[in-house]
Structure formats: structure tokens, C-alpha cells
Amino acid sequence: MIQLTELQSIRDTLQRAIFSGTRRVQFTDRAVEYNSIDDMRKALADVNSEIAKASGPVPSSFSLAMHSRE
């Protein structure tokens, strides 16, 4: 399984490439040339999904409101 830090690095690299309009991305051990920016966005969504899984469950939160008639 890919480590969280590596996933984050992949995400950052993909984001930089998307924002710059580059379709060829160099990762640590390989280069990938995507067919379109849409393909890159799909890959980015997949990476973000994997990051969410690797980060564990998001803790639930709630608010408690107390009212008094004094």
C-alpha cells in the first residue's frame, strides 16, 4: 500500500501540472503523460479518495445548545 506522504506528493504534483496546463507528470520513479486535463482530474479525484481512506475516519462533531428561561 502506498504511504500517505507519497499519496500527498502525487496529489501535489498532479495539482501543479493541472494548474500549469502540463499533461506530462514526473513522479518519483516514473513519468506519465495524460491524454487530457479531464483524465488528470479523474486521477486527482482517485488520489484524493485514497488519501481520505489512508487518513482514517473523520471524527464526527456535534454542537450542544443549552437554553434557560431565567
N, C-alpha and C. Protein backbone atom coordinates (compact mmCIF):
# COMPACT_ATOMS: atom_id res chain seq x y z
N MET A 1 0.84 -1.18 0.00
CA MET A 1 0.00 0.00 0.00
C MET A 1 0.89 1.25 0.00
N ILE A 2 0.46 2.25 -0.72
CA ILE A 2 1.22 3.49 -0.81
C ILE A 2 1.05 4.28 0.49
N GLN A 3 2.14 4.84 0.96
CA GLN A 3 2.13 5.63 2.18
C GLN A 3 1.39 6.96 1.96
N LEU A 4 0.82 7.49 3.02
CA LEU A 4 0.07 8.74 2.96
C LEU A 4 0.93 9.88 2.41
N THR A 5 2.17 9.96 2.83
CA THR A 5 3.04 11.05 2.37
C THR A 5 3.29 10.96 0.86
N GLU A 6 3.40 9.74 0.33
CA GLU A 6 3.59 9.57 -1.10
C GLU A 6 2.32 9.96 -1.87
N LEU A 7 1.17 9.59 -1.33
CA LEU A 7 -0.09 9.99 -1.94
C LEU A 7 -0.23 11.51 -1.99
N GLN A 8 0.16 12.16 -0.90
CA GLN A 8 0.08 13.61 -0.85
C GLN A 8 1.04 14.25 -1.86
N SER A 9 2.19 13.65 -2.04
CA SER A 9 3.16 14.14 -3.02
C SER A 9 2.60 13.98 -4.44
N ILE A 10 1.98 12.84 -4.71
CA ILE A 10 1.35 12.62 -6.02
C ILE A 10 0.26 13.65 -6.26
N ARG A 11 -0.55 13.89 -5.24
CA ARG A 11 -1.63 14.88 -5.35
C ARG A 11 -1.06 16.26 -5.68
N ASP A 12 -0.04 16.66 -4.95
CA ASP A 12 0.56 17.97 -5.16
C ASP A 12 1.14 18.10 -6.57
N THR A 13 1.78 17.05 -7.04
CA THR A 13 2.36 17.05 -8.38
C THR A 13 1.27 17.16 -9.44
N LEU A 14 0.20 16.40 -9.28
CA LEU A 14 -0.91 16.46 -10.22
C LEU A 14 -1.56 17.84 -10.23
N GLN A 15 -1.76 18.42 -9.05
CA GLN A 15 -2.37 19.74 -8.97
C GLN A 15 -1.51 20.78 -9.68
N ARG A 16 -0.21 20.75 -9.45
CA ARG A 16 0.68 21.71 -10.11
C ARG A 16 0.60 21.56 -11.63
N ALA A 17 0.58 20.32 -12.10
CA ALA A 17 0.52 20.07 -13.54
C ALA A 17 -0.80 20.56 -14.12
N ILE A 18 -1.90 20.30 -13.44
CA ILE A 18 -3.21 20.74 -13.91
C ILE A 18 -3.26 22.26 -14.00
N PHE A 19 -2.79 22.91 -12.95
CA PHE A 19 -2.83 24.38 -12.92
C PHE A 19 -1.92 25.01 -13.98
N SER A 20 -0.86 24.31 -14.32
CA SER A 20 0.07 24.86 -15.32
C SER A 20 -0.30 24.44 -16.75
N GLY A 21 -1.24 23.52 -16.89
CA GLY A 21 -1.66 23.06 -18.21
C GLY A 21 -0.77 21.98 -18.80
N THR A 22 0.10 21.40 -17.98
CA THR A 22 1.01 20.36 -18.43
C THR A 22 0.33 19.00 -18.30
N ARG A 23 0.44 18.17 -19.33
CA ARG A 23 -0.16 16.84 -19.28
C ARG A 23 0.85 15.75 -18.95
N ARG A 24 2.12 16.08 -18.96
CA ARG A 24 3.16 15.10 -18.63
C ARG A 24 3.62 15.37 -17.19
N VAL A 25 3.57 14.31 -16.38
CA VAL A 25 3.89 14.44 -14.96
C VAL A 25 5.01 13.48 -14.60
N GLN A 26 6.00 13.98 -13.90
CA GLN A 26 7.12 13.15 -13.44
C GLN A 26 6.92 12.87 -11.96
N PHE A 27 6.73 11.59 -11.65
CA PHE A 27 6.65 11.17 -10.26
C PHE A 27 8.03 10.66 -9.86
N THR A 28 8.17 10.18 -8.68
CA THR A 28 9.47 9.74 -8.16
C THR A 28 10.13 8.73 -9.08
N ASP A 29 9.41 7.70 -9.46
CA ASP A 29 10.02 6.60 -10.21
C ASP A 29 9.51 6.45 -11.64
N ARG A 30 8.62 7.33 -12.09
CA ARG A 30 8.07 7.18 -13.43
C ARG A 30 7.49 8.49 -13.93
N ALA A 31 7.30 8.54 -15.24
CA ALA A 31 6.64 9.68 -15.87
C ALA A 31 5.35 9.19 -16.50
N VAL A 32 4.33 10.03 -16.43
CA VAL A 32 3.03 9.70 -17.00
C VAL A 32 2.59 10.87 -17.87
N GLU A 33 2.12 10.55 -19.08
CA GLU A 33 1.54 11.58 -19.93
C GLU A 33 0.06 11.27 -20.07
N TYR A 34 -0.77 12.18 -19.60
CA TYR A 34 -2.21 12.01 -19.63
C TYR A 34 -2.76 12.48 -20.97
N ASN A 35 -3.86 11.89 -21.41
CA ASN A 35 -4.48 12.26 -22.68
C ASN A 35 -5.16 13.63 -22.61
N SER A 36 -5.65 13.97 -21.43
CA SER A 36 -6.38 15.24 -21.30
C SER A 36 -6.31 15.72 -19.84
N ILE A 37 -6.68 16.96 -19.66
CA ILE A 37 -6.77 17.52 -18.32
C ILE A 37 -7.87 16.81 -17.54
N ASP A 38 -8.94 16.41 -18.23
CA ASP A 38 -10.02 15.65 -17.56
C ASP A 38 -9.51 14.34 -16.99
N ASP A 39 -8.63 13.65 -17.74
CA ASP A 39 -8.03 12.42 -17.22
C ASP A 39 -7.21 12.72 -15.97
N MET A 40 -6.54 13.84 -15.98
CA MET A 40 -5.74 14.22 -14.82
C MET A 40 -6.64 14.52 -13.62
N ARG A 41 -7.75 15.17 -13.87
CA ARG A 41 -8.70 15.47 -12.79
C ARG A 41 -9.28 14.19 -12.20
N LYS A 42 -9.54 13.21 -13.06
CA LYS A 42 -10.04 11.92 -12.57
C LYS A 42 -8.98 11.23 -11.72
N ALA A 43 -7.74 11.28 -12.16
CA ALA A 43 -6.64 10.70 -11.38
C ALA A 43 -6.51 11.43 -10.05
N LEU A 44 -6.65 12.74 -10.07
CA LEU A 44 -6.56 13.53 -8.84
C LEU A 44 -7.69 13.15 -7.88
N ALA A 45 -8.88 12.95 -8.40
CA ALA A 45 -10.01 12.54 -7.55
C ALA A 45 -9.73 11.17 -6.93
N ASP A 46 -9.15 10.26 -7.70
CA ASP A 46 -8.79 8.94 -7.17
C ASP A 46 -7.75 9.06 -6.06
N VAL A 47 -6.76 9.90 -6.28
CA VAL A 47 -5.71 10.09 -5.27
C VAL A 47 -6.32 10.70 -4.01
N ASN A 48 -7.19 11.70 -4.17
CA ASN A 48 -7.83 12.31 -3.01
C ASN A 48 -8.67 11.29 -2.23
N SER A 49 -9.31 10.38 -2.96
CA SER A 49 -10.10 9.33 -2.31
C SER A 49 -9.19 8.40 -1.50
N GLU A 50 -8.05 8.04 -2.07
CA GLU A 50 -7.09 7.18 -1.36
C GLU A 50 -6.51 7.89 -0.14
N ILE A 51 -6.28 9.19 -0.26
CA ILE A 51 -5.78 9.97 0.89
C ILE A 51 -6.82 9.95 2.00
N ALA A 52 -8.08 10.12 1.64
CA ALA A 52 -9.15 10.10 2.64
C ALA A 52 -9.20 8.75 3.36
N LYS A 53 -9.06 7.66 2.58
CA LYS A 53 -9.07 6.33 3.19
C LYS A 53 -7.87 6.13 4.11
N ALA A 54 -6.71 6.57 3.66
CA ALA A 54 -5.48 6.39 4.44
C ALA A 54 -5.46 7.26 5.69
N SER A 55 -6.20 8.35 5.66
CA SER A 55 -6.22 9.27 6.80
C SER A 55 -7.12 8.77 7.93
N GLY A 56 -7.93 7.78 7.64
CA GLY A 56 -8.81 7.24 8.66
C GLY A 56 -10.13 7.99 8.69
N PRO A 57 -11.02 7.53 9.53
CA PRO A 57 -12.35 8.15 9.59
C PRO A 57 -12.28 9.58 10.11
N VAL A 58 -13.16 10.40 9.56
CA VAL A 58 -13.26 11.78 10.02
C VAL A 58 -14.06 11.77 11.31
N PRO A 59 -13.50 12.34 12.37
CA PRO A 59 -14.25 12.33 13.63
C PRO A 59 -15.55 13.13 13.48
N SER A 60 -16.60 12.56 14.03
CA SER A 60 -17.88 13.27 13.96
C SER A 60 -17.86 14.39 15.00
N SER A 61 -18.60 15.41 14.70
CA SER A 61 -18.69 16.52 15.65
C SER A 61 -20.16 16.88 15.81
N PHE A 62 -20.45 17.50 16.91
CA PHE A 62 -21.81 17.94 17.15
C PHE A 62 -21.76 19.16 18.06
N SER A 63 -22.83 19.88 18.07
CA SER A 63 -22.96 21.06 18.92
C SER A 63 -24.06 20.81 19.93
N LEU A 64 -23.86 21.32 21.10
CA LEU A 64 -24.85 21.19 22.15
C LEU A 64 -25.27 22.60 22.54
N ALA A 65 -26.54 22.88 22.40
CA ALA A 65 -27.06 24.19 22.77
C ALA A 65 -27.89 24.03 24.04
N MET A 66 -27.68 24.94 24.97
CA MET A 66 -28.46 24.93 26.21
C MET A 66 -29.20 26.26 26.32
N HIS A 67 -30.47 26.17 26.68
CA HIS A 67 -31.28 27.36 26.81
C HIS A 67 -31.86 27.42 28.21
N SER A 68 -32.00 28.61 28.69
CA SER A 68 -32.58 28.82 30.02
C SER A 68 -33.65 29.89 29.93
N ARG A 69 -34.70 29.75 30.74
CA ARG A 69 -35.77 30.75 30.75
C ARG A 69 -35.66 31.64 31.97
N GLU A 70 -34.52 31.86 32.41
CA GLU A 70 -34.34 32.72 33.61
C GLU A 70 -34.33 34.17 33.26
